Amino acid sequence: MPLTLYAHPFSSYCQKVLVALYENDLPFEYRTLEDASAMAELKARWPFGRFPILVDDGRTVVESTIIIEHLMLAHGGRTRWLPGDPLQALEVRFLDRFFDNDVMTAMQKPVFAALKQDKPRTDEAMTEARRALELAYGWLEQRLQGRTWAAGETLSLADCAAAPSLFYADWVHPIAAAYPTLRGYRSRLLAWPAFARAVDEARPFRNYFPLGAPDRD
């Protein structure tokens, strides 16, 4: 029975899983949530309605990080998302949580406020996001020194999280020239074929971005 992914192409957390699938050439049925029937199927399996979810031989797997680890353990592929060494794996897991919690979450707050058309809250959230993202950018500029990818010289779970996080965060609060290492890393992520494919698939939905999607990228 094939893998089935319930996801939306423009969702950052869905892109996080898509790059893992694309990088390892894993075949799957893509149930895009533009289709109302797909959303109904998702809610029947996961009543909280959050996405993405993966169905593997009838088993429902939720949360992007867990989905990627499940894919690695159950289906393998040329890229292993966690190193075998437990201490090295801890750093990868930490960076995965950093990108989700300290970059993605900060970026999303003004986006959610803008979607609700709450102008005062949007302005407040933008101020908070700029402060939080500037702090994250400064930390990453130092952490990424001498590294090709987030945790070293090989792709990992952390890069799956970093790609959509930094992609959209730079739209909300551009990464300044003062952070050349981070800017270079974001450029490498955009050139990564698996992520470039996810970005291209999401292009038709850029009008969904309530703060105005930039013409670049």
C-alpha atoms as a PDB file:
ATOM      1  CA  MET A   1       0.000   0.000   0.000  1.00  0.00           C
ATOM      2  CA  PRO A   2       1.536   3.365  -1.011  1.00  0.00           C
ATOM      3  CA  LEU A   3       2.254   6.235   1.306  1.00  0.00           C
ATOM      4  CA  THR A   4      -0.369   8.973   1.345  1.00  0.00           C
ATOM      5  CA  LEU A   5       0.450  12.526   2.389  1.00  0.00           C
ATOM      6  CA  TYR A   6      -2.269  15.010   3.283  1.00  0.00           C
ATOM      7  CA  ALA A   7      -0.700  18.422   2.859  1.00  0.00           C
ATOM      8  CA  HIS A   8      -0.876  21.865   1.300  1.00  0.00           C
ATOM      9  CA  PRO A   9       1.946  23.008  -1.008  1.00  0.00           C
ATOM     10  CA  PHE A  10       2.188  26.475   0.579  1.00  0.00           C
ATOM     11  CA  SER A  11       2.377  25.247   4.183  1.00  0.00           C
ATOM     12  CA  SER A  12       5.809  25.489   5.784  1.00  0.00           C
ATOM     13  CA  TYR A  13       5.357  22.320   7.839  1.00  0.00           C
ATOM     14  CA  CYS A  14       4.121  20.438   4.782  1.00  0.00           C
ATOM     15  CA  GLN A  15       7.162  21.571   2.806  1.00  0.00           C
ATOM     16  CA  LYS A  16       9.329  20.261   5.631  1.00  0.00           C
ATOM     17  CA  VAL A  17       7.961  16.758   4.999  1.00  0.00           C
ATOM     18  CA  LEU A  18       7.852  17.103   1.224  1.00  0.00           C
ATOM     19  CA  VAL A  19      11.607  17.719   1.023  1.00  0.00           C
ATOM     20  CA  ALA A  20      12.232  14.487   2.939  1.00  0.00           C
ATOM     21  CA  LEU A  21      10.034  12.563   0.516  1.00  0.00           C
ATOM     22  CA  TYR A  22      11.526  14.200  -2.571  1.00  0.00           C
ATOM     23  CA  GLU A  23      15.149  13.870  -1.425  1.00  0.00           C
ATOM     24  CA  ASN A  24      14.798  10.108  -1.023  1.00  0.00           C
ATOM     25  CA  ASP A  25      12.573   9.595  -4.079  1.00  0.00           C
ATOM     26  CA  LEU A  26       9.863   7.950  -1.998  1.00  0.00           C
ATOM     27  CA  PRO A  27       6.664   7.371  -3.998  1.00  0.00           C
ATOM     28  CA  PHE A  28       3.501   8.679  -2.376  1.00  0.00           C
ATOM     29  CA  GLU A  29      -0.032   9.773  -3.129  1.00  0.00           C
ATOM     30  CA  TYR A  30      -0.341  13.523  -2.634  1.00  0.00           C
ATOM     31  CA  ARG A  31      -3.744  14.469  -1.240  1.00  0.00           C
ATOM     32  CA  THR A  32      -3.598  18.234  -1.520  1.00  0.00           C
ATOM     33  CA  LEU A  33      -5.847  20.047   0.907  1.00  0.00           C
ATOM     34  CA  GLU A  34      -7.130  22.326  -1.825  1.00  0.00           C
ATOM     35  CA  ASP A  35      -9.522  19.390  -2.284  1.00  0.00           C
ATOM     36  CA  ALA A  36     -12.333  19.525   0.303  1.00  0.00           C
ATOM     37  CA  SER A  37     -12.644  15.737   0.295  1.00  0.00           C
ATOM     38  CA  ALA A  38      -8.977  15.445   1.254  1.00  0.00           C
ATOM     39  CA  MET A  39      -9.511  17.713   4.253  1.00  0.00           C
ATOM     40  CA  ALA A  40     -12.513  15.628   5.302  1.00  0.00           C
ATOM     41  CA  GLU A  41     -10.374  12.483   5.094  1.00  0.00           C
ATOM     42  CA  LEU A  42      -7.644  14.164   7.147  1.00  0.00           C
ATOM     43  CA  LYS A  43     -10.069  15.184   9.890  1.00  0.00           C
ATOM     44  CA  ALA A  44     -11.487  11.679  10.007  1.00  0.00           C
ATOM     45  CA  ARG A  45      -7.979  10.465  10.850  1.00  0.00           C
ATOM     46  CA  TRP A  46      -6.801  13.448  12.917  1.00  0.00           C
ATOM     47  CA  PRO A  47      -9.723  15.441  14.375  1.00  0.00           C
ATOM     48  CA  PHE A  48      -7.459  18.361  15.327  1.00  0.00           C
ATOM     49  CA  GLY A  49      -7.293  19.134  11.609  1.00  0.00           C
ATOM     50  CA  ARG A  50      -3.613  20.088  11.610  1.00  0.00           C
ATOM     51  CA  PHE A  51      -1.468  19.106   8.677  1.00  0.00           C
ATOM     52  CA  PRO A  52       0.513  17.427   7.294  1.00  0.00           C
ATOM     53  CA  ILE A  53      -0.380  13.862   8.158  1.00  0.00           C
ATOM     54  CA  LEU A  54       1.048  10.734   6.599  1.00  0.00           C
ATOM     55  CA  VAL A  55      -0.790   7.442   6.166  1.00  0.00           C
ATOM     56  CA  ASP A  56       1.494   4.431   5.856  1.00  0.00           C
ATOM     57  CA  ASP A  57      -0.208   1.077   5.312  1.00  0.00           C
ATOM     58  CA  GLY A  58      -3.243   2.287   7.230  1.00  0.00           C
ATOM     59  CA  ARG A  59      -1.248   3.832  10.077  1.00  0.00           C
ATOM     60  CA  THR A  60      -1.666   7.572  10.649  1.00  0.00           C
ATOM     61  CA  VAL A  61       1.507   9.478  11.498  1.00  0.00           C
ATOM     62  CA  VAL A  62       1.255  13.126  12.582  1.00  0.00           C
ATOM     63  CA  GLU A  63       3.626  16.054  13.257  1.00  0.00           C
ATOM     64  CA  SER A  64       6.288  16.875  10.685  1.00  0.00           C
ATOM     65  CA  THR A  65       9.344  15.837  12.702  1.00  0.00           C
ATOM     66  CA  ILE A  66       7.782  12.500  13.629  1.00  0.00           C
ATOM     67  CA  ILE A  67       6.737  11.909  10.019  1.00  0.00           C
ATOM     68  CA  ILE A  68      10.303  12.429   8.801  1.00  0.00           C
ATOM     69  CA  GLU A  69      11.740  10.115  11.449  1.00  0.00           C
ATOM     70  CA  HIS A  70       9.077   7.532  10.564  1.00  0.00           C
ATOM     71  CA  LEU A  71      10.022   7.741   6.884  1.00  0.00           C
ATOM     72  CA  MET A  72      13.691   7.243   7.739  1.00  0.00           C
ATOM     73  CA  LEU A  73      13.031   4.236   9.962  1.00  0.00           C
ATOM     74  CA  ALA A  74      10.367   2.577   7.836  1.00  0.00           C
ATOM     75  CA  HIS A  75      11.473   3.416   4.293  1.00  0.00           C
ATOM     76  CA  GLY A  76      15.143   4.398   4.354  1.00  0.00           C
ATOM     77  CA  GLY A  77      16.641   6.172   1.361  1.00  0.00           C
ATOM     78  CA  ARG A  78      19.998   7.606   0.336  1.00  0.00           C
ATOM     79  CA  THR A  79      19.806  10.411   2.893  1.00  0.00           C
ATOM     80  CA  ARG A  80      19.563   9.468   6.557  1.00  0.00           C
ATOM     81  CA  TRP A  81      17.920  12.289   8.494  1.00  0.00           C
ATOM     82  CA  LEU A  82      19.498  11.497  11.859  1.00  0.00           C
ATOM     83  CA  PRO A  83      23.100  10.424  12.381  1.00  0.00           C
ATOM     84  CA  GLY A  84      23.739   7.084  14.016  1.00  0.00           C
ATOM     85  CA  ASP A  85      25.766   8.605  16.841  1.00  0.00           C
ATOM     86  CA  PRO A  86      23.289   9.489  19.634  1.00  0.00           C
ATOM     87  CA  LEU A  87      25.101  12.682  20.672  1.00  0.00           C
ATOM     88  CA  GLN A  88      25.267  13.934  17.090  1.00  0.00           C
ATOM     89  CA  ALA A  89      21.595  13.045  16.706  1.00  0.00           C
ATOM     90  CA  LEU A  90      20.822  15.208  19.734  1.00  0.00           C
ATOM     91  CA  GLU A  91      22.280  18.259  18.010  1.00  0.00           C
ATOM     92  CA  VAL A  92      20.212  17.576  14.898  1.00  0.00           C
ATOM     93  CA  ARG A  93      17.050  17.227  16.990  1.00  0.00           C
ATOM     94  CA  PHE A  94      17.898  20.420  18.876  1.00  0.00           C
ATOM     95  CA  LEU A  95      18.351  22.359  15.631  1.00  0.00           C
ATOM     96  CA  ASP A  96      15.099  20.919  14.287  1.00  0.00           C
ATOM     97  CA  ARG A  97      13.301  22.245  17.364  1.00  0.00           C
ATOM     98  CA  PHE A  98      15.149  25.580  17.100  1.00  0.00           C
ATOM     99  CA  PHE A  99      13.999  26.153  13.532  1.00  0.00           C
ATOM    100  CA  ASP A 100      10.431  25.147  14.371  1.00  0.00           C
ATOM    101  CA  ASN A 101      10.132  27.008  17.677  1.00  0.00           C
ATOM    102  CA  ASP A 102      12.401  30.025  17.303  1.00  0.00           C
ATOM    103  CA  VAL A 103      12.167  30.770  13.580  1.00  0.00           C
ATOM    104  CA  MET A 104       8.976  29.233  12.194  1.00  0.00           C
ATOM    105  CA  THR A 105       6.780  30.162  15.163  1.00  0.00           C
ATOM    106  CA  ALA A 106       8.122  33.727  15.280  1.00  0.00           C
ATOM    107  CA  MET A 107       7.482  34.121  11.559  1.00  0.00           C
ATOM    108  CA  GLN A 108       3.955  32.764  11.758  1.00  0.00           C
ATOM    109  CA  LYS A 109       2.590  35.091  14.454  1.00  0.00           C
ATOM    110  CA  PRO A 110       2.200  38.210  12.259  1.00  0.00           C
ATOM    111  CA  VAL A 111       1.015  36.011   9.397  1.00  0.00           C
ATOM    112  CA  PHE A 112      -1.813  34.596  11.527  1.00  0.00           C
ATOM    113  CA  ALA A 113      -2.738  38.067  12.776  1.00  0.00           C
ATOM    114  CA  ALA A 114      -2.835  39.406   9.222  1.00  0.00           C
ATOM    115  CA  LEU A 115      -5.024  36.511   8.104  1.00  0.00           C
ATOM    116  CA  LYS A 116      -7.499  37.550  10.792  1.00  0.00           C
ATOM    117  CA  GLN A 117      -7.332  41.131   9.448  1.00  0.00           C
ATOM    118  CA  ASP A 118      -6.450  42.346  12.919  1.00  0.00           C
ATOM    119  CA  LYS A 119      -4.358  45.425  12.086  1.00  0.00           C
ATOM    120  CA  PRO A 120      -3.342  46.400  15.654  1.00  0.00           C
ATOM    121  CA  ARG A 121      -2.373  42.823  16.499  1.00  0.00           C
ATOM    122  CA  THR A 122      -0.537  42.456  13.171  1.00  0.00           C
ATOM    123  CA  ASP A 123       1.577  45.526  13.902  1.00  0.00           C
ATOM    124  CA  GLU A 124       2.309  44.267  17.414  1.00  0.00           C
ATOM    125  CA  ALA A 125       3.140  40.780  16.139  1.00  0.00           C
ATOM    126  CA  MET A 126       5.434  42.207  13.467  1.00  0.00           C
ATOM    127  CA  THR A 127       7.390  44.055  16.133  1.00  0.00           C
ATOM    128  CA  GLU A 128       7.659  40.868  18.180  1.00  0.00           C
ATOM    129  CA  ALA A 129       8.653  38.836  15.115  1.00  0.00           C
ATOM    130  CA  ARG A 130      11.389  41.239  14.076  1.00  0.00           C
ATOM    131  CA  ARG A 131      12.859  41.135  17.578  1.00  0.00           C
ATOM    132  CA  ALA A 132      12.696  37.333  17.801  1.00  0.00           C
ATOM    133  CA  LEU A 133      13.964  36.717  14.287  1.00  0.00           C
ATOM    134  CA  GLU A 134      16.833  39.160  14.656  1.00  0.00           C
ATOM    135  CA  LEU A 135      17.912  37.235  17.756  1.00  0.00           C
ATOM    136  CA  ALA A 136      17.616  33.921  15.887  1.00  0.00           C
ATOM    137  CA  TYR A 137      19.536  35.257  12.875  1.00  0.00           C
ATOM    138  CA  GLY A 138      22.390  36.450  15.061  1.00  0.00           C
ATOM    139  CA  TRP A 139      22.632  33.101  16.830  1.00  0.00           C
ATOM    140  CA  LEU A 140      22.527  31.170  13.549  1.00  0.00           C
ATOM    141  CA  GLU A 141      25.193  33.380  11.993  1.00  0.00           C
ATOM    142  CA  GLN A 142      27.598  32.105  14.634  1.00  0.00           C
ATOM    143  CA  ARG A 143      26.327  28.511  14.809  1.00  0.00           C
ATOM    144  CA  LEU A 144      26.600  27.948  11.059  1.00  0.00           C
ATOM    145  CA  GLN A 145      30.190  29.137  10.747  1.00  0.00           C
ATOM    146  CA  GLY A 146      32.249  26.571   8.837  1.00  0.00           C
ATOM    147  CA  ARG A 147      29.242  24.379   8.041  1.00  0.00           C
ATOM    148  CA  THR A 148      27.655  23.568   4.702  1.00  0.00           C
ATOM    149  CA  TRP A 149      24.412  22.359   6.270  1.00  0.00           C
ATOM    150  CA  ALA A 150      22.811  23.004   9.645  1.00  0.00           C
ATOM    151  CA  ALA A 151      24.589  20.230  11.536  1.00  0.00           C
ATOM    152  CA  GLY A 152      27.724  19.861   9.435  1.00  0.00           C
ATOM    153  CA  GLU A 153      28.553  18.544   5.977  1.00  0.00           C
ATOM    154  CA  THR A 154      25.564  16.276   5.402  1.00  0.00           C
ATOM    155  CA  LEU A 155      21.859  16.973   5.085  1.00  0.00           C
ATOM    156  CA  SER A 156      19.763  16.160   8.137  1.00  0.00           C
ATOM    157  CA  LEU A 157      16.371  16.590   9.724  1.00  0.00           C
ATOM    158  CA  ALA A 158      17.524  20.062  10.777  1.00  0.00           C
ATOM    159  CA  ASP A 159      17.763  21.164   7.140  1.00  0.00           C
ATOM    160  CA  CYS A 160      14.251  19.881   6.438  1.00  0.00           C
ATOM    161  CA  ALA A 161      13.076  22.247   9.184  1.00  0.00           C
ATOM    162  CA  ALA A 162      15.400  25.096   8.218  1.00  0.00           C
ATOM    163  CA  ALA A 163      14.404  25.292   4.560  1.00  0.00           C
ATOM    164  CA  PRO A 164      10.783  26.462   4.928  1.00  0.00           C
ATOM    165  CA  SER A 165      11.528  28.293   8.190  1.00  0.00           C
ATOM    166  CA  LEU A 166      14.167  30.559   6.691  1.00  0.00           C
ATOM    167  CA  PHE A 167      12.364  30.792   3.354  1.00  0.00           C
ATOM    168  CA  TYR A 168       9.297  32.419   4.897  1.00  0.00           C
ATOM    169  CA  ALA A 169      11.072  34.159   7.783  1.00  0.00           C
ATOM    170  CA  ASP A 170      13.097  36.181   5.280  1.00  0.00           C
ATOM    171  CA  TRP A 171       9.810  37.358   3.774  1.00  0.00           C
ATOM    172  CA  VAL A 172       8.607  38.593   7.167  1.00  0.00           C
ATOM    173  CA  HIS A 173      11.921  40.071   8.327  1.00  0.00           C
ATOM    174  CA  PRO A 174      14.660  40.019   5.662  1.00  0.00           C
ATOM    175  CA  ILE A 175      18.003  38.532   6.658  1.00  0.00           C
ATOM    176  CA  ALA A 176      20.363  41.496   6.631  1.00  0.00           C
ATOM    177  CA  ALA A 177      23.733  41.674   4.877  1.00  0.00           C
ATOM    178  CA  ALA A 178      25.270  41.608   8.349  1.00  0.00           C
ATOM    179  CA  TYR A 179      24.553  37.849   8.343  1.00  0.00           C
ATOM    180  CA  PRO A 180      26.435  36.570   5.264  1.00  0.00           C
ATOM    181  CA  THR A 181      26.820  33.028   6.597  1.00  0.00           C
ATOM    182  CA  LEU A 182      23.084  32.703   7.190  1.00  0.00           C
ATOM    183  CA  ARG A 183      22.244  34.264   3.828  1.00  0.00           C
ATOM    184  CA  GLY A 184      24.578  31.814   2.135  1.00  0.00           C
ATOM    185  CA  TYR A 185      22.945  28.907   3.943  1.00  0.00           C
ATOM    186  CA  ARG A 186      19.469  30.052   2.887  1.00  0.00           C
ATOM    187  CA  SER A 187      20.688  30.266  -0.714  1.00  0.00           C
ATOM    188  CA  ARG A 188      22.017  26.699  -0.540  1.00  0.00           C
ATOM    189  CA  LEU A 189      18.660  25.533   0.785  1.00  0.00           C
ATOM    190  CA  LEU A 190      16.868  27.221  -2.113  1.00  0.00           C
ATOM    191  CA  ALA A 191      19.232  25.499  -4.557  1.00  0.00           C
ATOM    192  CA  TRP A 192      18.654  22.082  -2.924  1.00  0.00           C
ATOM    193  CA  PRO A 193      16.642  20.236  -5.627  1.00  0.00           C
ATOM    194  CA  ALA A 194      14.163  18.724  -3.164  1.00  0.00           C
ATOM    195  CA  PHE A 195      13.333  22.117  -1.666  1.00  0.00           C
ATOM    196  CA  ALA A 196      13.421  23.920  -5.023  1.00  0.00           C
ATOM    197  CA  ARG A 197      10.715  21.491  -6.152  1.00  0.00           C
ATOM    198  CA  ALA A 198       8.574  22.275  -3.099  1.00  0.00           C
ATOM    199  CA  VAL A 199       9.014  26.018  -3.656  1.00  0.00           C
ATOM    200  CA  ASP A 200       8.008  25.725  -7.301  1.00  0.00           C
ATOM    201  CA  GLU A 201       4.910  23.688  -6.442  1.00  0.00           C
ATOM    202  CA  ALA A 202       3.844  26.429  -4.014  1.00  0.00           C
ATOM    203  CA  ARG A 203       4.243  29.342  -6.451  1.00  0.00           C
ATOM    204  CA  PRO A 204       0.575  29.359  -7.565  1.00  0.00           C
ATOM    205  CA  PHE A 205      -0.472  29.983  -3.944  1.00  0.00           C
ATOM    206  CA  ARG A 206       1.721  32.990  -3.142  1.00  0.00           C
ATOM    207  CA  ASN A 207      -1.300  35.268  -3.126  1.00  0.00           C
ATOM    208  CA  TYR A 208      -2.286  33.454   0.083  1.00  0.00           C
ATOM    209  CA  PHE A 209       0.576  35.165   1.932  1.00  0.00           C
ATOM    210  CA  PRO A 210      -1.285  37.966   3.718  1.00  0.00           C
ATOM    211  CA  LEU A 211       1.716  40.260   4.158  1.00  0.00           C
ATOM    212  CA  GLY A 212       2.470  40.282   0.439  1.00  0.00           C
ATOM    213  CA  ALA A 213       4.830  37.736  -1.081  1.00  0.00           C
ATOM    214  CA  PRO A 214       8.025  39.250  -2.487  1.00  0.00           C
ATOM    215  CA  ASP A 215       8.870  38.875  -6.194  1.00  0.00           C
ATOM    216  CA  ARG A 216      12.220  37.278  -5.365  1.00  0.00           C
ATOM    217  CA  ASP A 217      12.824  33.593  -4.548  1.00  0.00           C
END
